Protein backbone atom coordinates (compact mmCIF):
# COMPACT_ATOMS: atom_id res chain seq x y z
CA MET A 1 0.00 0.00 0.00
CA SER A 2 1.38 3.45 -0.99
CA ASP A 3 1.66 6.44 1.33
CA ARG A 4 -1.09 8.07 -0.68
CA ASP A 5 -3.49 5.15 -0.13
CA SER A 6 -2.64 5.01 3.56
CA PHE A 7 -3.32 8.73 3.92
CA ILE A 8 -6.70 8.36 2.16
CA ASP A 9 -7.66 5.49 4.46
CA GLU A 10 -6.78 7.51 7.55
CA VAL A 11 -8.79 10.46 6.33
CA THR A 12 -11.75 8.20 5.52
CA GLU A 13 -11.62 6.64 8.99
CA GLU A 14 -11.45 10.05 10.60
CA VAL A 15 -14.48 11.20 8.62
CA ARG A 16 -16.37 8.12 9.76
CA ARG A 17 -15.51 8.81 13.39
CA ASP A 18 -16.62 12.41 13.05
CA ARG A 19 -19.91 11.32 11.56
CA LEU A 20 -20.41 8.75 14.31
CA PHE A 21 -19.74 11.30 17.04
CA ALA A 22 -22.09 13.72 15.35
CA LEU A 23 -24.83 11.10 15.27
CA MET A 24 -24.22 10.23 18.91
CA ARG A 25 -24.43 13.90 19.92
CA ARG A 26 -27.65 14.26 17.98
CA TRP A 27 -29.40 10.97 18.80
CA GLY A 28 -27.56 9.60 21.81
CA TRP A 29 -30.34 10.72 24.15
CA VAL A 30 -32.71 8.35 22.33
CA ALA A 31 -30.55 5.35 23.21
CA VAL A 32 -30.27 6.55 26.82
CA LEU A 33 -34.03 7.02 27.00
CA ALA A 34 -34.63 3.55 25.56
CA VAL A 35 -32.37 2.00 28.20
CA LEU A 36 -34.14 3.93 30.96
CA LEU A 37 -37.53 2.83 29.67
CA LEU A 38 -36.47 -0.82 29.57
CA VAL A 39 -35.07 -0.66 33.09
CA GLY A 40 -38.15 1.16 34.35
CA ALA A 41 -40.51 -1.32 32.69
CA ALA A 42 -38.65 -4.27 34.22
CA ALA A 43 -38.75 -2.66 37.66
CA TRP A 44 -42.47 -1.91 37.30
CA PHE A 45 -43.18 -5.50 36.23
CA GLU A 46 -41.34 -6.93 39.24
CA TRP A 47 -43.07 -4.51 41.61
CA THR A 48 -46.47 -5.39 40.15
CA ARG A 49 -45.78 -9.10 40.51
CA ALA A 50 -44.71 -8.60 44.11
CA GLN A 51 -47.90 -6.65 44.86
CA GLU A 52 -50.08 -9.33 43.27
CA ARG A 53 -48.27 -12.02 45.23
CA GLN A 54 -48.78 -10.12 48.48
CA ARG A 55 -52.50 -9.67 47.74
CA ALA A 56 -52.88 -13.36 46.91
CA GLU A 57 -51.09 -14.38 50.11
CA ALA A 58 -53.22 -12.00 52.18
CA LEU A 59 -56.40 -13.39 50.59
CA GLY A 60 -55.27 -16.95 51.24
CA ASP A 61 -54.49 -16.17 54.89
CA ALA A 62 -57.90 -14.53 55.34
CA ILE A 63 -59.70 -17.51 53.79
CA ILE A 64 -57.81 -19.99 55.97
CA ALA A 65 -58.64 -17.94 59.07
CA ALA A 66 -62.33 -17.87 58.11
CA LEU A 67 -62.44 -21.61 57.43
CA ASP A 68 -60.83 -22.31 60.81
CA LYS A 69 -63.99 -21.22 62.61
CA ASP A 70 -65.99 -23.99 64.25
CA GLU A 71 -69.49 -23.26 62.92
CA ALA A 72 -70.48 -23.24 59.25
CA GLU A 73 -72.59 -20.11 59.76
CA ALA A 74 -69.63 -18.30 61.31
CA ARG A 75 -67.40 -19.44 58.45
CA ALA A 76 -69.88 -18.13 55.89
CA GLU A 77 -70.10 -14.78 57.68
CA ALA A 78 -66.31 -14.47 57.91
CA LEU A 79 -65.86 -15.34 54.23
CA GLY A 80 -68.48 -12.80 53.23
CA ALA A 81 -66.55 -10.06 55.06
CA ILE A 82 -63.33 -10.61 53.08
CA ASP A 83 -62.45 -8.15 50.30
CA ALA A 84 -60.98 -10.13 47.38
CA GLU A 85 -59.76 -7.18 45.22
CA SER A 86 -59.93 -9.32 42.05
CA ALA A 87 -62.64 -10.99 39.99
CA GLY A 88 -61.15 -14.46 40.43
CA GLY A 89 -60.71 -13.99 44.17
CA GLU A 90 -64.26 -12.70 44.52
CA ALA A 91 -65.61 -15.72 42.65
CA VAL A 92 -63.72 -18.14 44.90
CA LEU A 93 -64.96 -16.35 48.01
CA ARG A 94 -68.56 -16.41 46.84
CA LEU A 95 -68.35 -20.11 45.98
CA LEU A 96 -66.85 -20.91 49.37
CA THR A 97 -69.47 -18.80 51.12
CA ALA A 98 -72.27 -20.62 49.29
CA GLY A 99 -70.74 -23.93 50.33
CA GLU A 100 -70.68 -22.92 53.98
CA GLU A 101 -74.24 -21.61 53.77
CA ALA A 102 -75.29 -25.00 52.46
CA ALA A 103 -73.37 -26.71 55.28
CA ALA A 104 -75.25 -24.51 57.74
CA GLY A 105 -78.57 -25.71 56.34
CA GLN A 106 -79.25 -22.48 54.45
CA ASP A 107 -79.92 -24.26 51.15
CA GLU A 108 -82.12 -21.59 49.62
CA GLN A 109 -79.59 -18.87 50.41
CA ALA A 110 -76.78 -21.04 49.01
CA VAL A 111 -78.64 -21.67 45.75
CA ASP A 112 -79.42 -17.95 45.39
CA ALA A 113 -75.72 -17.17 45.88
CA LEU A 114 -74.67 -19.76 43.30
CA GLU A 115 -77.20 -18.52 40.76
CA GLY A 116 -75.96 -14.99 41.37
CA ILE A 117 -72.42 -16.10 40.55
CA SER A 118 -73.54 -18.01 37.45
CA THR A 119 -75.15 -14.90 35.94
CA ASP A 120 -72.44 -12.39 36.92
CA GLY A 121 -70.80 -11.35 33.65
CA ASP A 122 -67.90 -9.68 35.47
CA LEU A 123 -66.63 -13.04 36.73
CA PRO A 124 -64.47 -15.48 34.71
CA GLU A 125 -66.46 -18.06 32.75
CA ILE A 126 -65.05 -21.07 34.58
CA TYR A 127 -66.38 -19.82 37.92
CA ARG A 128 -69.80 -19.14 36.42
CA GLN A 129 -69.89 -22.69 35.08
CA ILE A 130 -68.90 -24.14 38.45
CA ALA A 131 -71.63 -22.11 40.14
CA THR A 132 -74.22 -23.29 37.62
CA TYR A 133 -73.19 -26.91 38.14
CA LYS A 134 -73.29 -26.62 41.94
CA ALA A 135 -76.66 -24.85 41.86
CA LEU A 136 -78.18 -27.61 39.72
CA ILE A 137 -76.78 -30.27 42.05
CA ARG A 138 -77.90 -28.39 45.16
CA GLN A 139 -81.47 -27.97 43.92
CA GLY A 140 -81.80 -31.68 43.14
CA ASP A 141 -85.34 -33.02 43.01
CA SER A 142 -86.81 -29.61 43.77
CA VAL A 143 -86.32 -28.80 40.08
CA ASP A 144 -88.02 -30.90 37.40
CA PRO A 145 -85.77 -33.23 35.34
CA ALA A 146 -86.37 -31.29 32.11
CA THR A 147 -85.03 -28.06 33.62
CA ARG A 148 -82.03 -29.83 35.13
CA ARG A 149 -81.34 -31.57 31.82
CA GLN A 150 -81.34 -28.26 29.98
CA GLY A 151 -78.85 -26.82 32.47
CA PHE A 152 -76.49 -29.79 32.30
CA GLU A 153 -76.71 -29.95 28.50
CA THR A 154 -75.47 -26.36 28.38
CA LEU A 155 -72.49 -27.32 30.56
CA ALA A 156 -71.84 -30.42 28.43
CA GLN A 157 -71.12 -28.40 25.29
CA PRO A 158 -67.69 -28.96 23.62
CA GLY A 159 -65.03 -26.77 25.19
CA SER A 160 -66.71 -26.57 28.57
CA ALA A 161 -64.39 -27.34 31.49
CA LEU A 162 -67.22 -29.26 33.18
CA ARG A 163 -68.28 -31.16 30.07
CA LEU A 164 -67.71 -34.69 31.37
CA LEU A 165 -69.10 -33.98 34.84
CA ALA A 166 -72.22 -32.60 33.19
CA GLU A 167 -72.44 -35.73 31.01
CA GLU A 168 -72.30 -37.83 34.18
CA GLN A 169 -75.26 -35.90 35.61
CA LEU A 170 -77.15 -36.31 32.34
CA ALA A 171 -76.61 -40.06 32.60
CA LEU A 172 -78.04 -39.98 36.13
CA LEU A 173 -81.03 -38.05 34.79
CA ASP A 174 -81.49 -40.76 32.15
CA VAL A 175 -81.60 -43.31 34.96
CA GLU A 176 -84.05 -41.15 36.91
CA THR A 177 -86.41 -40.93 33.95
CA GLY A 178 -86.15 -44.65 33.14
CA GLU A 179 -83.93 -44.32 30.06
CA THR A 180 -81.48 -47.01 31.10
CA GLU A 181 -80.02 -47.77 27.67
CA ALA A 182 -79.43 -44.07 27.00
CA ALA A 183 -77.69 -43.79 30.36
CA ILE A 184 -75.42 -46.77 29.62
CA GLU A 185 -74.51 -45.37 26.19
CA ARG A 186 -73.72 -41.95 27.66
CA LEU A 187 -71.58 -43.55 30.38
CA ARG A 188 -69.66 -45.58 27.78
CA THR A 189 -68.92 -42.36 25.94
CA ILE A 190 -67.56 -40.87 29.17
CA VAL A 191 -65.34 -43.91 29.81
CA ALA A 192 -63.90 -43.72 26.29
CA ASP A 193 -63.21 -39.98 26.40
CA ALA A 194 -59.51 -39.08 26.28
CA GLU A 195 -59.97 -36.32 28.86
CA VAL A 196 -61.80 -38.37 31.51
CA THR A 197 -60.20 -38.53 34.95
CA ALA A 198 -59.51 -41.84 36.68
CA GLY A 199 -62.16 -41.16 39.32
CA LEU A 200 -64.87 -40.30 36.81
CA ARG A 201 -63.99 -43.32 34.63
CA ARG A 202 -64.28 -45.56 37.68
CA ARG A 203 -67.67 -44.10 38.68
CA ALA A 204 -69.02 -44.41 35.14
CA SER A 205 -67.81 -48.01 34.81
CA GLN A 206 -69.35 -49.00 38.13
CA LEU A 207 -72.65 -47.40 37.19
CA ILE A 208 -72.71 -49.25 33.85
CA VAL A 209 -72.32 -52.53 35.70
CA ALA A 210 -74.98 -51.53 38.25
CA LEU A 211 -77.37 -50.80 35.37
CA GLY A 212 -76.79 -54.26 33.90
CA GLY A 213 -74.40 -53.16 31.19
CA ASP A 214 -71.67 -55.40 29.79
CA PRO A 215 -68.30 -54.86 31.54
CA ALA A 216 -66.54 -56.06 28.38
CA ALA A 217 -68.19 -53.24 26.45
CA VAL A 218 -66.69 -50.80 28.96
CA SER A 219 -63.16 -52.10 28.38
CA GLN A 220 -63.64 -52.04 24.62
CA GLY A 221 -64.69 -48.36 24.81
């Protein structure tokens, strides 16, 4: 390389450095701001998570304290006094309160509470479904089979978290209304479902046998 070429390269490099410094002086604050924003966002995220964890722990402690009371009525009253501060927490509290009301013999009040949860659009869908299921179970024979069937059929729709439990109740309704073959067929479908739990499969299999169904047909399903 000649002295002339070396000189040109040095000048070119110097020009590049000057341009870089000029850009940094003009736009460097943007990079600094971006770094500050990232650090601030990370700090805010961690703080928010810590706050949520503290609220969840406080809610859990309050629920445990309420459930430690000796009488169901006292437990229901203590649960009803807790402030959940979140839709999910409120739903859990209301479900627990309804359960304690039922344990205290306040069936009508428990059913009203469950139906209130099931129709509350501000609560997550899963909790509304659980409340609907519990309300139908709690009402039992006080509601005609056709009404109960309609409720359980809604819960048995594809995608419902309580689909198989609702199918089990529909099978029991089939038995109640004398439709034994329909009940056995529905129970076989439950047993063969890929999402069925071990407990539900066992209950369905035992009921098939009790209804006079073929145990071999259960294993084939």
